């Protein structure tokens, strides 16, 4: 899935690659779409767990450092294929929610909750969630632009402009 995406995924070659039979995959998962959804839920969980461990290491990182670290991770050549796969499956889920809808549950909100948890406690819970939504949605939008052929330097500059605004919002929200 990471190498070829899921749009043209065929169960026979996939089954052969994992040492199984296509009919066993269908028996176990019910359908190709369920297999893709289940696999993507596991991938998302593992990526989020790895990222959580990264940002909760022994040195305390500010929310800005966490968002910057996510940007560096997501735009690195080693992880770009994960990002492409996430967006591909999210697009499928938006087009065919009856087949891939389970993937949409938490596709964005899980990232929002992760970021909201590390925002300053001086902010109310609704403020933290709103600011986390802003950061995640803006970052995802810029990542989609990056993957769509946007010039890395230009898109990274836009991301840095957002970070400046986000920093101002973080410092002013608790005073509102």
Foldseek 3Di string as FASTA:
>chain_A
DLVPADPPDDQQVVQVVVVHHSVVVCVVQVDPLSVLLVVLVVVVVVVVVVLLCVQPPPDHDALLVSLVVVLCVCPDPVNVSVLVNLVRLVVVCVVCVVRNVVNVVCSQVVQLVSSLVRADPLADSVLSSVLSSVSSVLSNVLSVCVVVPHDPVVSVVVNVVVSVVSVVCSVCRSVD
